[in-house]
PDB file of N, CA and C in Angstrom:
ATOM      1  N   MET A   1       0.517  -1.276  -0.025  1.00  0.00           N
ATOM      2  CA  MET A   1      -0.528   0.092  -0.080  1.00  0.00           C
ATOM      3  C   MET A   1       1.245   1.588   0.083  1.00  0.00           C
ATOM      4  N   LYS A   2       0.549   2.271  -0.625  1.00  0.00           N
ATOM      5  CA  LYS A   2       0.780   3.837  -0.366  1.00  0.00           C
ATOM      6  C   LYS A   2       0.852   4.176   0.533  1.00  0.00           C
ATOM      7  N   PRO A   3       2.021   4.460   1.325  1.00  0.00           N
ATOM      8  CA  PRO A   3       1.478   5.394   3.091  1.00  0.00           C
ATOM      9  C   PRO A   3       1.428   6.516   1.945  1.00  0.00           C
ATOM     10  N   GLY A   4       0.294   6.906   3.303  1.00  0.00           N
ATOM     11  CA  GLY A   4      -0.315   8.003   3.485  1.00  0.00           C
ATOM     12  C   GLY A   4      -1.180   8.339   3.046  1.00  0.00           C
ATOM     13  N   ILE A   5      -2.499   7.790   1.877  1.00  0.00           N
ATOM     14  CA  ILE A   5      -2.867   8.027   0.969  1.00  0.00           C
ATOM     15  C   ILE A   5      -4.262   7.355   1.926  1.00  0.00           C
ATOM     16  N   HIS A   6      -4.199   5.891   3.407  1.00  0.00           N
ATOM     17  CA  HIS A   6      -5.406   5.342   2.825  1.00  0.00           C
ATOM     18  C   HIS A   6      -5.616   5.744   4.199  1.00  0.00           C
ATOM     19  N   PRO A   7      -6.798   5.436   5.199  1.00  0.00           N
ATOM     20  CA  PRO A   7      -7.468   5.477   6.093  1.00  0.00           C
ATOM     21  C   PRO A   7      -6.848   5.000   7.099  1.00  0.00           C
ATOM     22  N   GLU A   8      -7.082   5.019   8.729  1.00  0.00           N
ATOM     23  CA  GLU A   8      -6.362   5.107   9.525  1.00  0.00           C
ATOM     24  C   GLU A   8      -6.882   2.760   9.828  1.00  0.00           C
ATOM     25  N   TYR A   9      -6.917   2.044   9.890  1.00  0.00           N
ATOM     26  CA  TYR A   9      -7.097   0.679  10.154  1.00  0.00           C
ATOM     27  C   TYR A   9      -7.338   0.798  11.540  1.00  0.00           C
ATOM     28  N   ARG A  10      -7.765   0.891  12.491  1.00  0.00           N
ATOM     29  CA  ARG A  10      -8.196   0.455  14.339  1.00  0.00           C
ATOM     30  C   ARG A  10      -9.268  -0.404  14.433  1.00  0.00           C
ATOM     31  N   PRO A  11      -9.219  -0.830  15.618  1.00  0.00           N
ATOM     32  CA  PRO A  11     -11.152  -1.479  16.604  1.00  0.00           C
ATOM     33  C   PRO A  11     -11.448  -0.805  16.959  1.00  0.00           C
ATOM     34  N   VAL A  12     -12.534  -1.281  16.437  1.00  0.00           N
ATOM     35  CA  VAL A  12     -13.888  -0.401  16.558  1.00  0.00           C
ATOM     36  C   VAL A  12     -15.272  -1.179  17.328  1.00  0.00           C
ATOM     37  N   VAL A  13     -16.755  -0.499  18.145  1.00  0.00           N
ATOM     38  CA  VAL A  13     -16.878  -1.828  18.323  1.00  0.00           C
ATOM     39  C   VAL A  13     -18.248  -0.763  17.726  1.00  0.00           C
ATOM     40  N   TYR A  14     -19.322  -1.576  17.761  1.00  0.00           N
ATOM     41  CA  TYR A  14     -20.627  -1.218  16.605  1.00  0.00           C
ATOM     42  C   TYR A  14     -21.113  -2.457  17.125  1.00  0.00           C
ATOM     43  N   ARG A  15     -22.243  -1.483  17.624  1.00  0.00           N
ATOM     44  CA  ARG A  15     -23.228  -1.242  18.568  1.00  0.00           C
ATOM     45  C   ARG A  15     -24.839  -1.332  18.191  1.00  0.00           C
ATOM     46  N   ASP A  16     -25.485  -3.051  18.613  1.00  0.00           N
ATOM     47  CA  ASP A  16     -26.998  -2.448  18.677  1.00  0.00           C
ATOM     48  C   ASP A  16     -27.573  -2.319  19.791  1.00  0.00           C
ATOM     49  N   LYS A  17     -28.244  -0.330  19.699  1.00  0.00           N
ATOM     50  CA  LYS A  17     -28.761  -1.125  21.341  1.00  0.00           C
ATOM     51  C   LYS A  17     -30.466  -1.099  22.033  1.00  0.00           C
ATOM     52  N   ASP A  18     -31.203  -1.212  20.662  1.00  0.00           N
ATOM     53  CA  ASP A  18     -32.702  -1.940  20.667  1.00  0.00           C
ATOM     54  C   ASP A  18     -32.476  -4.151  21.317  1.00  0.00           C
ATOM     55  N   ALA A  19     -30.911  -4.242  20.321  1.00  0.00           N
ATOM     56  CA  ALA A  19     -31.137  -6.207  20.925  1.00  0.00           C
ATOM     57  C   ALA A  19     -29.697  -5.689  21.635  1.00  0.00           C
ATOM     58  N   ASP A  20     -29.349  -4.751  22.507  1.00  0.00           N
ATOM     59  CA  ASP A  20     -28.473  -5.584  23.257  1.00  0.00           C
ATOM     60  C   ASP A  20     -27.365  -5.915  23.097  1.00  0.00           C
ATOM     61  N   PHE A  21     -26.573  -5.471  21.681  1.00  0.00           N
ATOM     62  CA  PHE A  21     -25.788  -6.584  20.600  1.00  0.00           C
ATOM     63  C   PHE A  21     -25.270  -5.669  20.811  1.00  0.00           C
ATOM     64  N   ALA A  22     -23.394  -6.194  20.352  1.00  0.00           N
ATOM     65  CA  ALA A  22     -21.863  -4.810  20.247  1.00  0.00           C
ATOM     66  C   ALA A  22     -20.867  -5.961  19.891  1.00  0.00           C
ATOM     67  N   PHE A  23     -20.128  -5.598  18.848  1.00  0.00           N
ATOM     68  CA  PHE A  23     -18.930  -6.313  18.980  1.00  0.00           C
ATOM     69  C   PHE A  23     -18.046  -5.914  18.213  1.00  0.00           C
ATOM     70  N   LEU A  24     -16.858  -5.542  18.419  1.00  0.00           N
ATOM     71  CA  LEU A  24     -15.617  -6.014  18.106  1.00  0.00           C
ATOM     72  C   LEU A  24     -15.289  -6.524  16.800  1.00  0.00           C
ATOM     73  N   THR A  25     -14.572  -5.317  15.803  1.00  0.00           N
ATOM     74  CA  THR A  25     -13.721  -5.597  14.754  1.00  0.00           C
ATOM     75  C   THR A  25     -12.846  -4.359  14.664  1.00  0.00           C
ATOM     76  N   ARG A  26     -12.543  -4.595  12.724  1.00  0.00           N
ATOM     77  CA  ARG A  26     -10.951  -3.096  12.547  1.00  0.00           C
ATOM     78  C   ARG A  26     -11.904  -2.905  11.820  1.00  0.00           C
ATOM     79  N   SER A  27     -12.231  -1.207  11.670  1.00  0.00           N
ATOM     80  CA  SER A  27     -13.042  -0.928  10.757  1.00  0.00           C
ATOM     81  C   SER A  27     -11.822   0.771  10.150  1.00  0.00           C
ATOM     82  N   THR A  28     -12.537   1.146   9.197  1.00  0.00           N
ATOM     83  CA  THR A  28     -12.207   3.059   9.464  1.00  0.00           C
ATOM     84  C   THR A  28     -12.832   3.658   9.641  1.00  0.00           C
ATOM     85  N   ALA A  29     -14.416   3.331   9.942  1.00  0.00           N
ATOM     86  CA  ALA A  29     -15.404   4.347  10.989  1.00  0.00           C
ATOM     87  C   ALA A  29     -14.615   5.359  11.658  1.00  0.00           C
ATOM     88  N   THR A  30     -15.111   6.289  11.679  1.00  0.00           N
ATOM     89  CA  THR A  30     -14.589   6.532  12.730  1.00  0.00           C
ATOM     90  C   THR A  30     -15.895   7.277  13.766  1.00  0.00           C
ATOM     91  N   SER A  31     -15.834   7.662  15.210  1.00  0.00           N
ATOM     92  CA  SER A  31     -16.932   8.029  15.512  1.00  0.00           C
ATOM     93  C   SER A  31     -16.053   8.791  16.750  1.00  0.00           C
ATOM     94  N   ASP A  32     -17.154   9.753  17.247  1.00  0.00           N
ATOM     95  CA  ASP A  32     -16.791  10.775  18.749  1.00  0.00           C
ATOM     96  C   ASP A  32     -16.899  10.305  19.693  1.00  0.00           C
ATOM     97  N   GLN A  33     -18.107   8.577  19.765  1.00  0.00           N
ATOM     98  CA  GLN A  33     -17.995   8.451  20.446  1.00  0.00           C
ATOM     99  C   GLN A  33     -17.255   7.204  21.520  1.00  0.00           C
ATOM    100  N   THR A  34     -16.797   7.048  21.938  1.00  0.00           N
ATOM    101  CA  THR A  34     -16.522   6.086  22.796  1.00  0.00           C
ATOM    102  C   THR A  34     -17.022   4.563  23.588  1.00  0.00           C
ATOM    103  N   ILE A  35     -16.433   4.138  24.218  1.00  0.00           N
ATOM    104  CA  ILE A  35     -16.554   2.552  24.756  1.00  0.00           C
ATOM    105  C   ILE A  35     -15.840   1.797  25.702  1.00  0.00           C
ATOM    106  N   GLU A  36     -15.590   1.783  26.538  1.00  0.00           N
ATOM    107  CA  GLU A  36     -15.321   0.530  27.091  1.00  0.00           C
ATOM    108  C   GLU A  36     -15.670  -0.910  27.528  1.00  0.00           C
ATOM    109  N   TRP A  37     -14.470  -1.661  26.184  1.00  0.00           N
ATOM    110  CA  TRP A  37     -14.370  -3.220  25.498  1.00  0.00           C
ATOM    111  C   TRP A  37     -13.884  -3.791  27.079  1.00  0.00           C
ATOM    112  N   THR A  38     -14.842  -5.329  27.724  1.00  0.00           N
ATOM    113  CA  THR A  38     -14.532  -5.966  27.800  1.00  0.00           C
ATOM    114  C   THR A  38     -13.656  -5.995  28.573  1.00  0.00           C
ATOM    115  N   ASP A  39     -12.557  -5.595  27.458  1.00  0.00           N
ATOM    116  CA  ASP A  39     -11.166  -6.549  27.394  1.00  0.00           C
ATOM    117  C   ASP A  39      -9.916  -5.275  28.500  1.00  0.00           C
ATOM    118  N   GLY A  40     -11.421  -4.372  28.925  1.00  0.00           N
ATOM    119  CA  GLY A  40     -10.190  -3.300  29.411  1.00  0.00           C
ATOM    120  C   GLY A  40      -9.655  -1.485  29.132  1.00  0.00           C
ATOM    121  N   ASN A  41      -9.862  -2.271  27.107  1.00  0.00           N
ATOM    122  CA  ASN A  41      -9.601  -0.603  26.373  1.00  0.00           C
ATOM    123  C   ASN A  41     -10.805  -0.241  26.303  1.00  0.00           C
ATOM    124  N   THR A  42     -10.645   1.297  25.918  1.00  0.00           N
ATOM    125  CA  THR A  42     -11.378   1.911  25.527  1.00  0.00           C
ATOM    126  C   THR A  42     -11.276   2.558  23.635  1.00  0.00           C
ATOM    127  N   TYR A  43     -13.055   2.531  22.847  1.00  0.00           N
ATOM    128  CA  TYR A  43     -12.801   2.358  22.142  1.00  0.00           C
ATOM    129  C   TYR A  43     -13.301   3.090  20.879  1.00  0.00           C
ATOM    130  N   PRO A  44     -13.565   3.634  20.723  1.00  0.00           N
ATOM    131  CA  PRO A  44     -15.139   4.059  19.596  1.00  0.00           C
ATOM    132  C   PRO A  44     -15.993   3.215  18.758  1.00  0.00           C
ATOM    133  N   VAL A  45     -17.442   3.614  19.626  1.00  0.00           N
ATOM    134  CA  VAL A  45     -18.491   3.271  19.114  1.00  0.00           C
ATOM    135  C   VAL A  45     -19.325   3.577  18.219  1.00  0.00           C
ATOM    136  N   ILE A  46     -19.935   2.579  17.368  1.00  0.00           N
ATOM    137  CA  ILE A  46     -20.505   3.407  16.392  1.00  0.00           C
ATOM    138  C   ILE A  46     -21.665   2.309  16.317  1.00  0.00           C
ATOM    139  N   ASP A  47     -22.908   3.343  16.683  1.00  0.00           N
ATOM    140  CA  ASP A  47     -24.224   2.440  17.190  1.00  0.00           C
ATOM    141  C   ASP A  47     -24.422   2.333  15.077  1.00  0.00           C
ATOM    142  N   VAL A  48     -25.144   1.615  15.097  1.00  0.00           N
ATOM    143  CA  VAL A  48     -25.966   0.480  13.831  1.00  0.00           C
ATOM    144  C   VAL A  48     -28.513   0.909  14.729  1.00  0.00           C
ATOM    145  N   GLN A  49     -28.894   0.139  13.600  1.00  0.00           N
ATOM    146  CA  GLN A  49     -30.097   0.313  13.769  1.00  0.00           C
ATOM    147  C   GLN A  49     -30.381  -0.893  13.264  1.00  0.00           C
ATOM    148  N   ILE A  50     -29.336  -1.496  12.721  1.00  0.00           N
ATOM    149  CA  ILE A  50     -29.770  -2.749  13.035  1.00  0.00           C
ATOM    150  C   ILE A  50     -28.749  -4.420  12.678  1.00  0.00           C
ATOM    151  N   SER A  51     -28.548  -5.233  12.685  1.00  0.00           N
ATOM    152  CA  SER A  51     -27.267  -5.898  13.504  1.00  0.00           C
ATOM    153  C   SER A  51     -28.711  -7.546  12.801  1.00  0.00           C
ATOM    154  N   SER A  52     -27.378  -8.255  13.856  1.00  0.00           N
ATOM    155  CA  SER A  52     -27.812  -9.894  13.015  1.00  0.00           C
ATOM    156  C   SER A  52     -29.003 -10.022  14.859  1.00  0.00           C
ATOM    157  N   ALA A  53     -28.438  -9.349  15.099  1.00  0.00           N
ATOM    158  CA  ALA A  53     -29.067  -9.411  16.714  1.00  0.00           C
ATOM    159  C   ALA A  53     -30.735  -9.545  15.867  1.00  0.00           C
ATOM    160  N   SER A  54     -30.705  -8.295  15.615  1.00  0.00           N
ATOM    161  CA  SER A  54     -32.203  -7.458  15.858  1.00  0.00           C
ATOM    162  C   SER A  54     -32.959  -7.371  14.262  1.00  0.00           C
ATOM    163  N   HIS A  55     -31.446  -8.544  13.397  1.00  0.00           N
ATOM    164  CA  HIS A  55     -32.307  -8.533  12.034  1.00  0.00           C
ATOM    165  C   HIS A  55     -33.749  -9.723  10.767  1.00  0.00           C
ATOM    166  N   PRO A  56     -34.154  -9.699  10.764  1.00  0.00           N
ATOM    167  CA  PRO A  56     -35.465 -10.301  10.917  1.00  0.00           C
ATOM    168  C   PRO A  56     -34.907 -12.024  10.043  1.00  0.00           C
ATOM    169  N   PHE A  57     -34.670 -10.714   9.545  1.00  0.00           N
ATOM    170  CA  PHE A  57     -33.213 -13.040   8.618  1.00  0.00           C
ATOM    171  C   PHE A  57     -33.013 -13.412   9.136  1.00  0.00           C
ATOM    172  N   TRP A  58     -31.888 -13.472  10.321  1.00  0.00           N
ATOM    173  CA  TRP A  58     -31.137 -14.273  10.950  1.00  0.00           C
ATOM    174  C   TRP A  58     -32.017 -14.576  12.809  1.00  0.00           C
ATOM    175  N   THR A  59     -32.999 -13.596  12.609  1.00  0.00           N
ATOM    176  CA  THR A  59     -33.729 -14.321  13.869  1.00  0.00           C
ATOM    177  C   THR A  59     -34.607 -14.593  14.206  1.00  0.00           C
ATOM    178  N   GLY A  60     -35.336 -15.163  12.262  1.00  0.00           N
ATOM    179  CA  GLY A  60     -36.201 -16.506  12.245  1.00  0.00           C
ATOM    180  C   GLY A  60     -37.913 -15.210  12.296  1.00  0.00           C
ATOM    181  N   ARG A  61     -37.343 -14.238  12.472  1.00  0.00           N
ATOM    182  CA  ARG A  61     -38.879 -13.991  13.268  1.00  0.00           C
ATOM    183  C   ARG A  61     -39.097 -13.069  11.726  1.00  0.00           C
ATOM    184  N   GLN A  62     -39.849 -13.866  10.908  1.00  0.00           N
ATOM    185  CA  GLN A  62     -39.803 -12.749   9.160  1.00  0.00           C
ATOM    186  C   GLN A  62     -41.484 -13.175   9.112  1.00  0.00           C
ATOM    187  N   ARG A  63     -41.451 -12.007   7.994  1.00  0.00           N
ATOM    188  CA  ARG A  63     -42.919 -11.791   7.937  1.00  0.00           C
ATOM    189  C   ARG A  63     -43.489 -12.351   6.689  1.00  0.00           C
ATOM    190  N   LEU A  64     -44.395 -13.300   6.600  1.00  0.00           N
ATOM    191  CA  LEU A  64     -44.972 -14.352   4.934  1.00  0.00           C
ATOM    192  C   LEU A  64     -45.259 -12.958   4.543  1.00  0.00           C
ATOM    193  N   LEU A  65     -45.039 -13.025   3.234  1.00  0.00           N
ATOM    194  CA  LEU A  65     -45.846 -12.642   2.500  1.00  0.00           C
ATOM    195  C   LEU A  65     -47.100 -13.496   1.512  1.00  0.00           C
ATOM    196  N   ASP A  66     -48.146 -12.454   1.641  1.00  0.00           N
ATOM    197  CA  ASP A  66     -49.025 -13.247   0.714  1.00  0.00           C
ATOM    198  C   ASP A  66     -49.506 -12.794  -0.917  1.00  0.00           C
ATOM    199  N   THR A  67     -48.009 -13.807  -1.268  1.00  0.00           N
ATOM    200  CA  THR A  67     -47.627 -13.007  -2.740  1.00  0.00           C
ATOM    201  C   THR A  67     -48.949 -13.478  -3.817  1.00  0.00           C
ATOM    202  N   ALA A  68     -49.742 -14.660  -3.585  1.00  0.00           N
ATOM    203  CA  ALA A  68     -50.678 -14.635  -4.250  1.00  0.00           C
ATOM    204  C   ALA A  68     -52.403 -14.079  -3.837  1.00  0.00           C
ATOM    205  N   GLY A  69     -51.986 -12.574  -2.366  1.00  0.00           N
ATOM    206  CA  GLY A  69     -53.199 -12.206  -2.996  1.00  0.00           C
ATOM    207  C   GLY A  69     -52.286 -11.065  -3.029  1.00  0.00           C
ATOM    208  N   ARG A  70     -51.964 -10.432  -3.142  1.00  0.00           N
ATOM    209  CA  ARG A  70     -50.778  -9.264  -3.892  1.00  0.00           C
ATOM    210  C   ARG A  70     -51.303  -8.962  -5.624  1.00  0.00           C
ATOM    211  N   VAL A  71     -51.311 -10.765  -6.057  1.00  0.00           N
ATOM    212  CA  VAL A  71     -50.761 -10.164  -7.241  1.00  0.00           C
ATOM    213  C   VAL A  71     -52.519  -9.959  -7.917  1.00  0.00           C
ATOM    214  N   GLU A  72     -53.276 -10.717  -6.802  1.00  0.00           N
ATOM    215  CA  GLU A  72     -54.537 -10.712  -7.316  1.00  0.00           C
ATOM    216  C   GLU A  72     -55.327  -9.079  -7.325  1.00  0.00           C
ATOM    217  N   LYS A  73     -55.105  -8.323  -6.099  1.00  0.00           N
ATOM    218  CA  LYS A  73     -55.195  -7.777  -6.179  1.00  0.00           C
ATOM    219  C   LYS A  73     -55.093  -6.534  -6.383  1.00  0.00           C
ATOM    220  N   PHE A  74     -53.677  -6.438  -7.347  1.00  0.00           N
ATOM    221  CA  PHE A  74     -52.930  -5.714  -8.353  1.00  0.00           C
ATOM    222  C   PHE A  74     -54.346  -5.449  -9.432  1.00  0.00           C
ATOM    223  N   ARG A  75     -53.977  -7.518 -10.045  1.00  0.00           N
ATOM    224  CA  ARG A  75     -54.937  -7.718 -11.505  1.00  0.00           C
ATOM    225  C   ARG A  75     -56.267  -6.415 -11.125  1.00  0.00           C
ATOM    226  N   ASN A  76     -56.912  -6.518 -10.085  1.00  0.00           N
ATOM    227  CA  ASN A  76     -58.799  -6.087  -9.958  1.00  0.00           C
ATOM    228  C   ASN A  76     -58.289  -4.964 -10.031  1.00  0.00           C
ATOM    229  N   LYS A  77     -57.947  -4.274  -9.671  1.00  0.00           N
ATOM    230  CA  LYS A  77     -57.191  -2.507  -9.659  1.00  0.00           C
ATOM    231  C   LYS A  77     -57.251  -2.526 -10.925  1.00  0.00           C
ATOM    232  N   TYR A  78     -56.421  -2.919 -11.673  1.00  0.00           N
ATOM    233  CA  TYR A  78     -55.823  -2.862 -13.163  1.00  0.00           C
ATOM    234  C   TYR A  78     -56.761  -3.046 -13.770  1.00  0.00           C
ATOM    235  N   ALA A  79     -57.388  -3.709 -13.785  1.00  0.00           N
ATOM    236  CA  ALA A  79     -58.394  -4.584 -14.944  1.00  0.00           C
ATOM    237  C   ALA A  79     -59.587  -3.689 -16.180  1.00  0.00           C
ATOM    238  N   ARG A  80     -59.519  -2.372 -14.414  1.00  0.00           N
ATOM    239  CA  ARG A  80     -61.085  -1.844 -15.355  1.00  0.00           C
ATOM    240  C   ARG A  80     -60.047  -1.301 -16.377  1.00  0.00           C
ATOM    241  N   HIS A  81     -57.911  -0.477 -16.981  1.00  0.00           N
ATOM    242  CA  HIS A  81     -57.363  -0.122 -16.916  1.00  0.00           C
ATOM    243  C   HIS A  81     -57.172  -0.586 -18.788  1.00  0.00           C
ATOM    244  N   SER A  82     -57.987  -2.035 -18.894  1.00  0.00           N
ATOM    245  CA  SER A  82     -56.538  -2.155 -19.853  1.00  0.00           C
ATOM    246  C   SER A  82     -57.900  -2.310 -20.495  1.00  0.00           C
ATOM    247  N   PRO A  83     -57.379  -2.792 -21.735  1.00  0.00           N
ATOM    248  CA  PRO A  83     -58.540  -3.113 -22.794  1.00  0.00           C
ATOM    249  C   PRO A  83     -59.970  -4.269 -23.455  1.00  0.00           C
ATOM    250  N   LYS A  84     -60.026  -4.070 -22.794  1.00  0.00           N
ATOM    251  CA  LYS A  84     -60.932  -4.821 -23.419  1.00  0.00           C
ATOM    252  C   LYS A  84     -60.638  -6.312 -24.088  1.00  0.00           C
ATOM    253  N   GLY A  85     -60.116  -7.052 -25.092  1.00  0.00           N
ATOM    254  CA  GLY A  85     -59.389  -7.500 -25.819  1.00  0.00           C
ATOM    255  C   GLY A  85     -58.363  -8.332 -25.100  1.00  0.00           C
ATOM    256  N   ARG A  86     -58.241  -8.019 -24.893  1.00  0.00           N
ATOM    257  CA  ARG A  86     -56.618  -8.812 -24.043  1.00  0.00           C
ATOM    258  C   ARG A  86     -57.217  -9.490 -22.289  1.00  0.00           C
TER     259      ARG A  86
END
């Protein structure tokens, strides 16, 4: 890598407050907020709205979509706008 042109790559804590979940990783992201981690060191913290602890795909709380009902609703809604021969 060329020196002096890349951002600093350092440990950062990402925190999902809604799910009470945080993890330590390395990133170039910056933050003015800090948090003391379980190892006793202080790291920058970045708050996220969704993580694997709160995302429906990973938690198994997915909402099932009624695709057949949506298709019928669409056809009924636009049936009056289509030409009679089609």
